[in-house]
């Protein structure tokens, strides 16, 4: 497995991830194994990659580990949209990483939007931490929708978000709220959960079981 070493710059690391991602999405063989190796390597071999380059790589790779239950919303998707809600800290990194890629047999698109109300058709919604006090309202808007919600906002999983980015010893890791995932009729593979820093089952404040 090729990893991003300290003498490799961020653009070089991204090209590695892009080529690996293409191999996974275009080859049907050993997809779970290769994808797991990719995200495990990303968790521990970041070094010179910028924080948001790492987060962009995670967002793309999360798409390989999420499964959507059959529903009108999921079935009607013509593309696999990774949406950025609010201010975009990722720049063009995610666009470059996902160019000409496919997830769930659909072309990947990166879509930027101002409000969570526009994200109902997304497969993954990255809610910018710049949303601040609006994060809980954004989650309320998307609760129950077949959309994987991700953010680096403080206490995101406690508020009902599905995946929260964490910085631990200068490395970007992530925590998972399984209750929130299941409530939206999604499932995450055991390979992804194995790499998570923590996996909890927490209902958001004010929501009854």
N, C-alpha and C. Protein backbone atom coordinates (compact mmCIF):
# COMPACT_ATOMS: atom_id res chain seq x y z
N UNK A 1 0.84 -1.19 0.00
CA UNK A 1 0.00 0.00 0.00
C UNK A 1 0.88 1.24 0.00
N UNK A 2 0.70 2.08 -0.96
CA UNK A 2 1.44 3.33 -1.00
C UNK A 2 0.87 4.29 0.03
N UNK A 3 1.73 4.96 0.78
CA UNK A 3 1.26 5.92 1.77
C UNK A 3 1.92 7.25 1.54
N UNK A 4 1.37 8.32 2.18
CA UNK A 4 1.89 9.66 2.04
C UNK A 4 2.95 9.90 3.10
N UNK A 5 4.20 9.92 2.69
CA UNK A 5 5.29 10.08 3.64
C UNK A 5 5.60 11.56 3.82
N UNK A 6 6.46 11.84 4.81
CA UNK A 6 6.75 13.22 5.16
C UNK A 6 7.44 14.00 4.06
N UNK A 7 8.07 13.31 3.11
CA UNK A 7 8.73 14.04 2.05
C UNK A 7 7.87 14.15 0.80
N UNK A 8 6.58 13.89 0.95
CA UNK A 8 5.64 14.02 -0.15
C UNK A 8 4.73 15.19 0.11
N UNK A 9 4.54 16.08 -0.88
CA UNK A 9 3.69 17.24 -0.65
C UNK A 9 2.23 16.88 -0.77
N UNK A 10 1.35 17.82 -0.41
CA UNK A 10 -0.10 17.54 -0.37
C UNK A 10 -0.62 17.14 -1.74
N UNK A 11 -0.15 17.83 -2.80
CA UNK A 11 -0.66 17.51 -4.13
C UNK A 11 -0.23 16.10 -4.54
N UNK A 12 0.99 15.70 -4.13
CA UNK A 12 1.44 14.35 -4.44
C UNK A 12 0.59 13.31 -3.73
N UNK A 13 0.27 13.56 -2.46
CA UNK A 13 -0.59 12.65 -1.71
C UNK A 13 -1.95 12.53 -2.36
N UNK A 14 -2.50 13.67 -2.78
CA UNK A 14 -3.82 13.64 -3.40
C UNK A 14 -3.81 12.84 -4.68
N UNK A 15 -2.72 12.94 -5.45
CA UNK A 15 -2.66 12.17 -6.69
C UNK A 15 -2.63 10.68 -6.40
N UNK A 16 -1.95 10.30 -5.30
CA UNK A 16 -1.95 8.90 -4.88
C UNK A 16 -3.35 8.44 -4.56
N UNK A 17 -4.07 9.24 -3.76
CA UNK A 17 -5.43 8.87 -3.36
C UNK A 17 -6.36 8.84 -4.56
N UNK A 18 -6.14 9.78 -5.50
CA UNK A 18 -7.02 9.82 -6.66
C UNK A 18 -6.84 8.57 -7.51
N UNK A 19 -5.59 8.16 -7.71
CA UNK A 19 -5.35 6.97 -8.52
C UNK A 19 -5.85 5.71 -7.81
N UNK A 20 -5.67 5.64 -6.49
CA UNK A 20 -6.20 4.51 -5.75
C UNK A 20 -7.71 4.49 -5.79
N UNK A 21 -8.33 5.66 -5.65
CA UNK A 21 -9.78 5.75 -5.69
C UNK A 21 -10.32 5.30 -7.02
N UNK A 22 -9.64 5.69 -8.09
CA UNK A 22 -10.07 5.29 -9.43
C UNK A 22 -9.99 3.77 -9.57
N UNK A 23 -8.92 3.19 -9.01
CA UNK A 23 -8.78 1.74 -9.09
C UNK A 23 -9.89 1.03 -8.37
N UNK A 24 -10.30 1.57 -7.22
CA UNK A 24 -11.38 0.94 -6.46
C UNK A 24 -12.70 1.05 -7.18
N UNK A 25 -13.00 2.24 -7.71
CA UNK A 25 -14.32 2.45 -8.28
C UNK A 25 -14.47 1.80 -9.65
N UNK A 26 -13.36 1.52 -10.34
CA UNK A 26 -13.46 0.96 -11.68
C UNK A 26 -13.20 -0.55 -11.71
N UNK A 27 -12.74 -1.08 -10.61
CA UNK A 27 -12.50 -2.52 -10.54
C UNK A 27 -13.43 -3.13 -9.52
N UNK A 28 -14.06 -4.23 -9.88
CA UNK A 28 -14.99 -4.86 -8.95
C UNK A 28 -14.30 -5.76 -7.95
N UNK A 29 -13.00 -5.99 -8.12
CA UNK A 29 -12.32 -6.96 -7.29
C UNK A 29 -11.79 -6.38 -5.99
N UNK A 30 -11.99 -7.10 -4.91
CA UNK A 30 -11.40 -6.72 -3.62
C UNK A 30 -11.74 -5.30 -3.20
N UNK A 31 -12.90 -4.80 -3.61
CA UNK A 31 -13.25 -3.42 -3.28
C UNK A 31 -13.23 -3.16 -1.79
N UNK A 32 -13.90 -3.98 -0.95
CA UNK A 32 -13.89 -3.69 0.48
C UNK A 32 -12.48 -3.69 1.06
N UNK A 33 -11.64 -4.65 0.63
CA UNK A 33 -10.29 -4.74 1.18
C UNK A 33 -9.46 -3.53 0.78
N UNK A 34 -9.48 -3.18 -0.51
CA UNK A 34 -8.68 -2.05 -0.98
C UNK A 34 -9.18 -0.75 -0.37
N UNK A 35 -10.50 -0.57 -0.33
CA UNK A 35 -11.04 0.67 0.23
C UNK A 35 -10.72 0.78 1.72
N UNK A 36 -10.78 -0.33 2.43
CA UNK A 36 -10.44 -0.30 3.85
C UNK A 36 -8.98 0.08 4.04
N UNK A 37 -8.09 -0.49 3.23
CA UNK A 37 -6.68 -0.15 3.32
C UNK A 37 -6.47 1.34 3.05
N UNK A 38 -7.22 1.87 2.08
CA UNK A 38 -7.10 3.29 1.75
C UNK A 38 -7.45 4.16 2.94
N UNK A 39 -8.59 3.88 3.57
CA UNK A 39 -9.04 4.78 4.64
C UNK A 39 -8.24 4.54 5.91
N UNK A 40 -7.75 3.32 6.12
CA UNK A 40 -6.89 3.06 7.27
C UNK A 40 -5.55 3.78 7.10
N UNK A 41 -5.01 3.75 5.90
CA UNK A 41 -3.76 4.45 5.63
C UNK A 41 -3.96 5.95 5.81
N UNK A 42 -5.09 6.45 5.35
CA UNK A 42 -5.38 7.88 5.50
C UNK A 42 -5.45 8.26 6.97
N UNK A 43 -5.98 7.39 7.80
CA UNK A 43 -6.13 7.70 9.22
C UNK A 43 -4.78 7.87 9.90
N UNK A 44 -3.78 7.13 9.44
CA UNK A 44 -2.52 7.12 10.18
C UNK A 44 -1.33 7.72 9.43
N UNK A 45 -1.45 8.03 8.14
CA UNK A 45 -0.31 8.48 7.35
C UNK A 45 -0.60 9.82 6.69
N UNK A 46 -0.78 10.87 7.48
CA UNK A 46 -1.19 12.16 6.93
C UNK A 46 0.00 13.10 6.73
N UNK A 47 0.79 13.30 7.76
CA UNK A 47 2.00 14.08 7.68
C UNK A 47 1.83 15.41 6.95
N UNK A 48 2.27 15.49 5.67
CA UNK A 48 2.32 16.76 4.96
C UNK A 48 0.99 17.13 4.30
N UNK A 49 0.01 16.24 4.29
CA UNK A 49 -1.28 16.60 3.72
C UNK A 49 -1.94 17.66 4.58
N UNK A 50 -2.53 18.65 3.94
CA UNK A 50 -3.21 19.68 4.72
C UNK A 50 -4.45 19.09 5.38
N UNK A 51 -4.92 19.76 6.42
CA UNK A 51 -6.10 19.29 7.14
C UNK A 51 -7.27 19.09 6.20
N UNK A 52 -7.51 20.05 5.31
CA UNK A 52 -8.70 19.95 4.46
C UNK A 52 -8.49 19.01 3.27
N UNK A 53 -7.24 18.76 2.89
CA UNK A 53 -6.99 17.73 1.88
C UNK A 53 -7.35 16.36 2.46
N UNK A 54 -7.00 16.15 3.73
CA UNK A 54 -7.34 14.90 4.40
C UNK A 54 -8.85 14.74 4.51
N UNK A 55 -9.53 15.82 4.90
CA UNK A 55 -10.99 15.75 5.05
C UNK A 55 -11.67 15.50 3.71
N UNK A 56 -11.14 16.10 2.65
CA UNK A 56 -11.71 15.86 1.32
C UNK A 56 -11.54 14.39 0.93
N UNK A 57 -10.37 13.82 1.22
CA UNK A 57 -10.14 12.41 0.90
C UNK A 57 -11.07 11.50 1.70
N UNK A 58 -11.27 11.83 2.98
CA UNK A 58 -12.22 11.08 3.80
C UNK A 58 -13.63 11.15 3.19
N UNK A 59 -14.08 12.36 2.85
CA UNK A 59 -15.45 12.52 2.33
C UNK A 59 -15.67 11.63 1.11
N UNK A 60 -14.70 11.62 0.21
CA UNK A 60 -14.83 10.79 -0.99
C UNK A 60 -14.87 9.31 -0.60
N UNK A 61 -13.98 8.91 0.30
CA UNK A 61 -13.91 7.49 0.66
C UNK A 61 -15.08 7.03 1.51
N UNK A 62 -15.70 7.92 2.28
CA UNK A 62 -16.90 7.54 3.02
C UNK A 62 -17.96 6.99 2.06
N UNK A 63 -17.99 7.52 0.85
CA UNK A 63 -18.98 7.07 -0.12
C UNK A 63 -18.84 5.60 -0.49
N UNK A 64 -17.68 5.01 -0.25
CA UNK A 64 -17.46 3.60 -0.56
C UNK A 64 -17.96 2.68 0.56
N UNK A 65 -18.24 3.27 1.72
CA UNK A 65 -18.58 2.48 2.89
C UNK A 65 -20.03 2.67 3.35
N UNK A 66 -20.78 3.55 2.70
CA UNK A 66 -22.16 3.80 3.11
C UNK A 66 -23.11 3.08 2.15
N UNK A 67 -24.19 2.55 2.69
CA UNK A 67 -25.22 1.90 1.89
C UNK A 67 -26.56 2.55 2.21
N UNK A 68 -27.35 2.77 1.19
CA UNK A 68 -28.64 3.44 1.32
C UNK A 68 -29.77 2.43 1.13
N UNK A 69 -30.70 2.41 2.07
CA UNK A 69 -31.87 1.55 1.92
C UNK A 69 -32.70 2.04 0.74
N UNK A 70 -33.36 1.12 0.02
CA UNK A 70 -34.19 1.55 -1.10
C UNK A 70 -35.26 2.56 -0.66
N UNK A 71 -35.34 3.66 -1.37
CA UNK A 71 -36.35 4.69 -1.10
C UNK A 71 -36.50 5.52 -2.35
N UNK A 72 -37.59 6.27 -2.45
CA UNK A 72 -37.78 7.12 -3.63
C UNK A 72 -36.63 8.11 -3.77
N UNK A 73 -36.24 8.71 -2.64
CA UNK A 73 -35.19 9.72 -2.69
C UNK A 73 -33.86 9.13 -3.17
N UNK A 74 -33.50 7.97 -2.62
CA UNK A 74 -32.24 7.35 -3.01
C UNK A 74 -32.31 6.78 -4.43
N UNK A 75 -33.44 6.17 -4.77
CA UNK A 75 -33.56 5.55 -6.09
C UNK A 75 -33.60 6.56 -7.22
N UNK A 76 -34.07 7.77 -6.94
CA UNK A 76 -34.21 8.78 -7.99
C UNK A 76 -32.94 9.57 -8.25
N UNK A 77 -31.89 9.31 -7.49
CA UNK A 77 -30.64 10.03 -7.70
C UNK A 77 -30.01 9.64 -9.03
N UNK A 78 -29.67 10.64 -9.83
CA UNK A 78 -28.98 10.39 -11.09
C UNK A 78 -27.47 10.51 -10.91
N UNK A 79 -27.05 11.09 -9.79
CA UNK A 79 -25.62 11.25 -9.50
C UNK A 79 -25.41 11.05 -8.01
N UNK A 80 -24.17 10.81 -7.63
CA UNK A 80 -23.81 10.67 -6.22
C UNK A 80 -23.26 12.02 -5.80
N UNK A 81 -24.11 12.84 -5.16
CA UNK A 81 -23.74 14.21 -4.84
C UNK A 81 -23.11 14.31 -3.45
N UNK A 82 -21.90 14.84 -3.40
CA UNK A 82 -21.26 15.20 -2.14
C UNK A 82 -21.44 16.70 -2.00
N UNK A 83 -22.25 17.10 -1.04
CA UNK A 83 -22.66 18.50 -0.93
C UNK A 83 -21.95 19.19 0.22
N UNK A 84 -21.61 20.43 0.01
CA UNK A 84 -21.00 21.26 1.04
C UNK A 84 -22.02 22.33 1.42
N UNK A 85 -22.46 22.27 2.67
CA UNK A 85 -23.48 23.20 3.15
C UNK A 85 -22.80 24.34 3.91
N UNK A 86 -23.04 25.57 3.44
CA UNK A 86 -22.42 26.72 4.08
C UNK A 86 -21.08 27.05 3.48
N UNK A 87 -20.24 27.70 4.25
CA UNK A 87 -18.91 28.12 3.78
C UNK A 87 -18.08 26.90 3.39
N UNK A 88 -17.35 27.02 2.28
CA UNK A 88 -16.57 25.90 1.76
C UNK A 88 -15.09 26.06 2.12
N UNK A 89 -14.58 25.28 3.08
CA UNK A 89 -13.16 25.37 3.43
C UNK A 89 -12.28 24.45 2.59
N UNK A 90 -12.89 23.61 1.73
CA UNK A 90 -12.14 22.60 1.00
C UNK A 90 -11.55 23.11 -0.31
N UNK A 91 -12.05 24.24 -0.80
CA UNK A 91 -11.56 24.76 -2.06
C UNK A 91 -11.85 23.80 -3.20
N UNK A 92 -10.87 23.63 -4.09
CA UNK A 92 -11.07 22.74 -5.25
C UNK A 92 -10.54 21.33 -4.99
N UNK A 93 -10.06 21.07 -3.79
CA UNK A 93 -9.46 19.78 -3.49
C UNK A 93 -10.43 18.63 -3.74
N UNK A 94 -11.65 18.75 -3.24
CA UNK A 94 -12.63 17.67 -3.40
C UNK A 94 -13.01 17.50 -4.86
N UNK A 95 -13.13 18.62 -5.60
CA UNK A 95 -13.46 18.54 -7.03
C UNK A 95 -12.40 17.74 -7.78
N UNK A 96 -11.13 18.02 -7.47
CA UNK A 96 -10.04 17.33 -8.16
C UNK A 96 -10.01 15.85 -7.81
N UNK A 97 -10.27 15.56 -6.56
CA UNK A 97 -10.22 14.18 -6.09
C UNK A 97 -11.33 13.32 -6.69
N UNK A 98 -12.48 13.92 -6.94
CA UNK A 98 -13.65 13.15 -7.40
C UNK A 98 -13.89 13.25 -8.90
N UNK A 99 -13.03 13.98 -9.60
CA UNK A 99 -13.23 14.17 -11.05
C UNK A 99 -13.28 12.82 -11.76
N UNK A 100 -14.34 12.62 -12.55
CA UNK A 100 -14.52 11.41 -13.36
C UNK A 100 -14.67 10.13 -12.54
N UNK A 101 -15.02 10.27 -11.26
CA UNK A 101 -15.20 9.10 -10.40
C UNK A 101 -16.67 8.71 -10.32
N UNK A 102 -16.92 7.47 -9.88
CA UNK A 102 -18.27 6.98 -9.69
C UNK A 102 -18.37 6.33 -8.31
N UNK A 103 -19.51 6.53 -7.67
CA UNK A 103 -19.82 5.86 -6.40
C UNK A 103 -21.25 5.35 -6.50
N UNK A 104 -21.49 4.17 -5.98
CA UNK A 104 -22.81 3.56 -6.07
C UNK A 104 -23.29 3.51 -7.52
N UNK A 105 -22.34 3.29 -8.42
CA UNK A 105 -22.61 3.18 -9.87
C UNK A 105 -23.12 4.49 -10.48
N UNK A 106 -22.89 5.61 -9.80
CA UNK A 106 -23.34 6.91 -10.31
C UNK A 106 -22.16 7.86 -10.38
N UNK A 107 -22.19 8.82 -11.32
CA UNK A 107 -21.11 9.81 -11.38
C UNK A 107 -21.12 10.68 -10.13
N UNK A 108 -19.94 10.98 -9.63
CA UNK A 108 -19.82 11.82 -8.44
C UNK A 108 -19.85 13.29 -8.82
N UNK A 109 -20.63 14.07 -8.09
CA UNK A 109 -20.66 15.52 -8.26
C UNK A 109 -20.39 16.18 -6.92
N UNK A 110 -19.68 17.29 -6.94
CA UNK A 110 -19.51 18.13 -5.75
C UNK A 110 -20.42 19.34 -5.92
N UNK A 111 -21.32 19.53 -4.97
CA UNK A 111 -22.33 20.59 -5.07
C UNK A 111 -22.22 21.48 -3.84
N UNK A 112 -22.19 22.78 -4.07
CA UNK A 112 -22.12 23.73 -2.95
C UNK A 112 -23.46 24.42 -2.80
N UNK A 113 -23.92 24.56 -1.56
CA UNK A 113 -25.23 25.15 -1.31
C UNK A 113 -25.19 25.97 -0.03
N UNK A 114 -26.09 26.91 0.05
CA UNK A 114 -26.11 27.82 1.20
C UNK A 114 -26.85 27.26 2.39
N UNK A 115 -27.84 26.39 2.14
CA UNK A 115 -28.71 25.94 3.23
C UNK A 115 -28.94 24.44 3.16
N UNK A 116 -29.14 23.83 4.33
CA UNK A 116 -29.37 22.38 4.40
C UNK A 116 -30.66 21.98 3.70
N UNK A 117 -31.61 22.89 3.60
CA UNK A 117 -32.88 22.58 2.94
C UNK A 117 -32.66 22.18 1.48
N UNK A 118 -31.54 22.59 0.90
CA UNK A 118 -31.23 22.25 -0.48
C UNK A 118 -30.55 20.89 -0.60
N UNK A 119 -30.23 20.25 0.53
CA UNK A 119 -29.38 19.06 0.53
C UNK A 119 -30.15 17.75 0.59
N UNK A 120 -31.46 17.77 0.46
CA UNK A 120 -32.23 16.53 0.58
C UNK A 120 -31.87 15.51 -0.48
N UNK A 121 -31.41 15.94 -1.62
CA UNK A 121 -31.05 15.01 -2.70
C UNK A 121 -29.61 14.57 -2.68
N UNK A 122 -28.85 15.02 -1.68
CA UNK A 122 -27.43 14.68 -1.61
C UNK A 122 -27.24 13.28 -1.04
N UNK A 123 -26.13 12.65 -1.39
CA UNK A 123 -25.76 11.39 -0.76
C UNK A 123 -24.97 11.65 0.52
N UNK A 124 -24.07 12.62 0.46
CA UNK A 124 -23.27 13.03 1.61
C UNK A 124 -23.39 14.55 1.74
N UNK A 125 -23.63 15.03 2.95
CA UNK A 125 -23.68 16.47 3.20
C UNK A 125 -22.61 16.82 4.23
N UNK A 126 -21.62 17.58 3.79
CA UNK A 126 -20.61 18.10 4.71
C UNK A 126 -21.09 19.46 5.19
N UNK A 127 -21.38 19.57 6.47
CA UNK A 127 -21.89 20.81 7.05
C UNK A 127 -20.72 21.57 7.65
N UNK A 128 -20.41 22.70 7.06
CA UNK A 128 -19.25 23.48 7.49
C UNK A 128 -19.38 23.90 8.95
N UNK A 129 -18.27 23.87 9.66
CA UNK A 129 -18.28 24.33 11.05
C UNK A 129 -18.60 25.82 11.13
N UNK A 130 -18.45 26.54 10.01
CA UNK A 130 -18.79 27.96 9.97
C UNK A 130 -20.29 28.18 10.11
N UNK A 131 -21.07 27.11 10.00
CA UNK A 131 -22.51 27.22 10.24
C UNK A 131 -22.82 27.60 11.68
N UNK A 132 -21.87 27.30 12.57
CA UNK A 132 -22.01 27.71 13.97
C UNK A 132 -23.30 27.25 14.59
N UNK A 133 -24.08 28.21 15.10
CA UNK A 133 -25.34 27.90 15.77
C UNK A 133 -26.41 27.34 14.86
N UNK A 134 -26.19 27.35 13.55
CA UNK A 134 -27.18 26.81 12.61
C UNK A 134 -27.03 25.30 12.42
N UNK A 135 -25.95 24.71 12.96
CA UNK A 135 -25.70 23.29 12.73
C UNK A 135 -26.86 22.43 13.21
N UNK A 136 -27.39 22.71 14.40
CA UNK A 136 -28.49 21.91 14.91
C UNK A 136 -29.73 22.03 14.02
N UNK A 137 -30.00 23.23 13.53
CA UNK A 137 -31.13 23.42 12.62
C UNK A 137 -30.89 22.68 11.31
N UNK A 138 -29.63 22.68 10.84
CA UNK A 138 -29.29 21.94 9.62
C UNK A 138 -29.55 20.45 9.81
N UNK A 139 -29.17 19.93 10.97
CA UNK A 139 -29.40 18.51 11.24
C UNK A 139 -30.89 18.20 11.36
N UNK A 140 -31.65 19.10 11.97
CA UNK A 140 -33.10 18.91 12.04
C UNK A 140 -33.69 18.84 10.64
N UNK A 141 -33.17 19.66 9.75
CA UNK A 141 -33.67 19.70 8.37
C UNK A 141 -33.41 18.37 7.65
N UNK A 142 -32.29 17.74 7.96
CA UNK A 142 -31.89 16.52 7.23
C UNK A 142 -32.22 15.24 7.99
N UNK A 143 -32.71 15.37 9.22
CA UNK A 143 -32.99 14.17 10.02
C UNK A 143 -34.01 13.28 9.32
N UNK A 144 -33.69 12.00 9.22
CA UNK A 144 -34.58 11.04 8.57
C UNK A 144 -34.40 10.95 7.07
N UNK A 145 -33.61 11.85 6.48
CA UNK A 145 -33.35 11.81 5.05
C UNK A 145 -32.20 10.84 4.77
N UNK A 146 -32.18 10.22 3.59
CA UNK A 146 -31.08 9.29 3.26
C UNK A 146 -29.82 10.05 2.85
N UNK A 147 -29.29 10.80 3.78
CA UNK A 147 -28.12 11.66 3.54
C UNK A 147 -27.13 11.43 4.67
N UNK A 148 -25.90 11.08 4.34
CA UNK A 148 -24.85 10.90 5.35
C UNK A 148 -24.34 12.29 5.74
N UNK A 149 -24.53 12.66 7.01
CA UNK A 149 -24.13 14.00 7.46
C UNK A 149 -22.75 13.93 8.12
N UNK A 150 -21.88 14.86 7.72
CA UNK A 150 -20.50 14.91 8.18
C UNK A 150 -20.15 16.34 8.53
N UNK A 151 -19.36 16.53 9.59
CA UNK A 151 -18.93 17.89 9.94
C UNK A 151 -17.73 17.82 10.88
N UNK A 152 -17.04 18.95 11.01
CA UNK A 152 -16.01 19.07 12.04
C UNK A 152 -16.50 20.00 13.15
N UNK A 153 -17.79 20.30 13.15
CA UNK A 153 -18.38 21.15 14.18
C UNK A 153 -18.34 20.47 15.54
N UNK A 154 -18.08 21.25 16.59
CA UNK A 154 -17.99 20.72 17.95
C UNK A 154 -19.29 20.04 18.36
N UNK A 155 -19.18 18.87 18.98
CA UNK A 155 -20.34 18.11 19.48
C UNK A 155 -21.33 17.72 18.37
N UNK A 156 -20.84 17.56 17.17
CA UNK A 156 -21.72 17.24 16.03
C UNK A 156 -22.47 15.93 16.25
N UNK A 157 -21.76 14.87 16.68
CA UNK A 157 -22.45 13.59 16.86
C UNK A 157 -23.43 13.65 18.03
N UNK A 158 -23.12 14.44 19.06
CA UNK A 158 -24.04 14.58 20.18
C UNK A 158 -25.33 15.28 19.77
N UNK A 159 -25.25 16.12 18.75
CA UNK A 159 -26.44 16.82 18.25
C UNK A 159 -27.20 16.00 17.20
N UNK A 160 -26.71 14.80 16.90
CA UNK A 160 -27.42 13.95 15.94
C UNK A 160 -26.76 13.84 14.59
N UNK A 161 -25.54 14.39 14.45
CA UNK A 161 -24.78 14.20 13.22
C UNK A 161 -24.24 12.78 13.14
N UNK A 162 -23.91 12.33 11.94
CA UNK A 162 -23.50 10.93 11.76
C UNK A 162 -22.00 10.72 11.90
N UNK A 163 -21.20 11.58 11.28
CA UNK A 163 -19.75 11.45 11.35
C UNK A 163 -19.15 12.81 11.69
N UNK A 164 -18.30 12.84 12.70
CA UNK A 164 -17.65 14.09 13.11
C UNK A 164 -16.14 13.95 12.97
N UNK A 165 -15.53 14.88 12.26
CA UNK A 165 -14.08 14.93 12.18
C UNK A 165 -13.50 15.41 13.52
N UNK A 166 -12.42 14.76 13.94
CA UNK A 166 -11.72 15.14 15.16
C UNK A 166 -10.23 15.29 14.84
N UNK A 167 -9.57 16.19 15.54
CA UNK A 167 -8.12 16.29 15.39
C UNK A 167 -7.48 15.72 16.65
N UNK A 168 -6.73 14.65 16.47
CA UNK A 168 -6.10 13.96 17.59
C UNK A 168 -4.60 13.82 17.28
N UNK A 169 -3.79 14.44 18.12
CA UNK A 169 -2.34 14.42 17.92
C UNK A 169 -1.97 14.82 16.50
N UNK A 170 -2.59 15.93 16.05
CA UNK A 170 -2.32 16.51 14.74
C UNK A 170 -2.75 15.63 13.57
N UNK A 171 -3.58 14.65 13.83
CA UNK A 171 -4.13 13.81 12.77
C UNK A 171 -5.65 13.96 12.74
N UNK A 172 -6.21 13.96 11.54
CA UNK A 172 -7.66 14.03 11.39
C UNK A 172 -8.22 12.62 11.51
N UNK A 173 -9.09 12.42 12.48
CA UNK A 173 -9.77 11.14 12.67
C UNK A 173 -11.27 11.42 12.64
N UNK A 174 -12.08 10.42 12.97
CA UNK A 174 -13.52 10.66 12.95
C UNK A 174 -14.24 9.77 13.95
N UNK A 175 -15.38 10.29 14.44
CA UNK A 175 -16.27 9.56 15.33
C UNK A 175 -17.59 9.33 14.61
N UNK A 176 -18.30 8.27 15.00
CA UNK A 176 -19.54 7.88 14.32
C UNK A 176 -20.67 7.77 15.33
N UNK A 177 -21.84 8.29 14.97
CA UNK A 177 -23.06 8.12 15.75
C UNK A 177 -23.96 7.13 15.00
N UNK A 178 -23.98 5.88 15.45
CA UNK A 178 -24.72 4.83 14.74
C UNK A 178 -26.23 5.03 14.79
N UNK A 179 -26.74 5.58 15.90
CA UNK A 179 -28.18 5.83 15.97
C UNK A 179 -28.63 6.77 14.85
N UNK A 180 -27.87 7.85 14.65
CA UNK A 180 -28.23 8.80 13.61
C UNK A 180 -28.16 8.15 12.23
N UNK A 181 -27.16 7.30 12.02
CA UNK A 181 -27.03 6.59 10.74
C UNK A 181 -28.26 5.70 10.51
N UNK A 182 -28.60 4.92 11.51
CA UNK A 182 -29.72 3.97 11.36
C UNK A 182 -31.06 4.67 11.24
N UNK A 183 -31.22 5.80 11.93
CA UNK A 183 -32.49 6.53 11.87
C UNK A 183 -32.78 7.03 10.46
N UNK A 184 -31.73 7.21 9.67
CA UNK A 184 -31.93 7.65 8.29
C UNK A 184 -31.88 6.48 7.31
N UNK A 185 -31.98 5.26 7.85
CA UNK A 185 -32.01 4.03 7.04
C UNK A 185 -30.74 3.87 6.22
N UNK A 186 -29.62 4.29 6.80
CA UNK A 186 -28.32 4.08 6.17
C UNK A 186 -27.58 2.99 6.94
N UNK A 187 -26.54 2.46 6.34
CA UNK A 187 -25.66 1.55 7.05
C UNK A 187 -24.22 1.85 6.66
N UNK A 188 -23.30 1.66 7.60
CA UNK A 188 -21.88 1.85 7.36
C UNK A 188 -21.19 0.50 7.53
N UNK A 189 -20.22 0.23 6.68
CA UNK A 189 -19.56 -1.07 6.73
C UNK A 189 -18.73 -1.21 8.00
N UNK A 190 -18.55 -2.46 8.40
CA UNK A 190 -17.75 -2.73 9.60
C UNK A 190 -16.31 -2.29 9.41
N UNK A 191 -15.82 -2.30 8.17
CA UNK A 191 -14.45 -1.86 7.91
C UNK A 191 -14.27 -0.40 8.29
N UNK A 192 -15.25 0.44 7.96
CA UNK A 192 -15.16 1.86 8.31
C UNK A 192 -15.26 2.05 9.82
N UNK A 193 -16.19 1.35 10.45
CA UNK A 193 -16.37 1.48 11.90
C UNK A 193 -15.13 1.04 12.66
N UNK A 194 -14.40 0.11 12.09
CA UNK A 194 -13.19 -0.39 12.74
C UNK A 194 -12.11 0.70 12.82
N UNK A 195 -12.12 1.63 11.88
CA UNK A 195 -11.10 2.68 11.84
C UNK A 195 -11.53 3.92 12.62
N UNK A 196 -12.81 4.03 12.94
CA UNK A 196 -13.31 5.20 13.67
C UNK A 196 -12.69 5.29 15.05
N UNK A 197 -12.48 6.52 15.52
CA UNK A 197 -11.96 6.74 16.86
C UNK A 197 -12.96 6.27 17.91
N UNK A 198 -14.25 6.54 17.67
CA UNK A 198 -15.30 6.07 18.57
C UNK A 198 -16.57 5.83 17.78
N UNK A 199 -17.35 4.87 18.24
CA UNK A 199 -18.65 4.57 17.64
C UNK A 199 -19.66 4.59 18.78
N UNK A 200 -20.58 5.55 18.72
CA UNK A 200 -21.56 5.70 19.78
C UNK A 200 -22.97 5.52 19.22
N UNK A 201 -23.92 5.37 20.12
CA UNK A 201 -25.33 5.32 19.75
C UNK A 201 -26.03 6.36 20.60
N UNK A 202 -26.04 7.59 20.12
CA UNK A 202 -26.59 8.69 20.90
C UNK A 202 -27.74 9.37 20.17
N UNK A 203 -28.85 9.54 20.87
CA UNK A 203 -29.93 10.33 20.34
C UNK A 203 -29.62 11.81 20.55
N UNK A 204 -29.94 12.67 19.59
CA UNK A 204 -29.69 14.09 19.80
C UNK A 204 -30.56 14.64 20.92
N UNK A 205 -30.10 15.69 21.54
CA UNK A 205 -30.84 16.33 22.63
C UNK A 205 -32.25 16.69 22.20
N UNK A 206 -33.24 16.28 22.99
CA UNK A 206 -34.61 16.64 22.69
C UNK A 206 -35.33 15.68 21.79
N UNK A 207 -34.65 14.63 21.30
CA UNK A 207 -35.29 13.63 20.43
C UNK A 207 -35.49 12.36 21.23
N UNK A 208 -36.72 11.89 21.28
CA UNK A 208 -37.04 10.70 22.07
C UNK A 208 -36.69 9.44 21.28
N UNK A 209 -36.26 8.36 21.98
CA UNK A 209 -35.95 7.09 21.31
C UNK A 209 -37.17 6.54 20.59
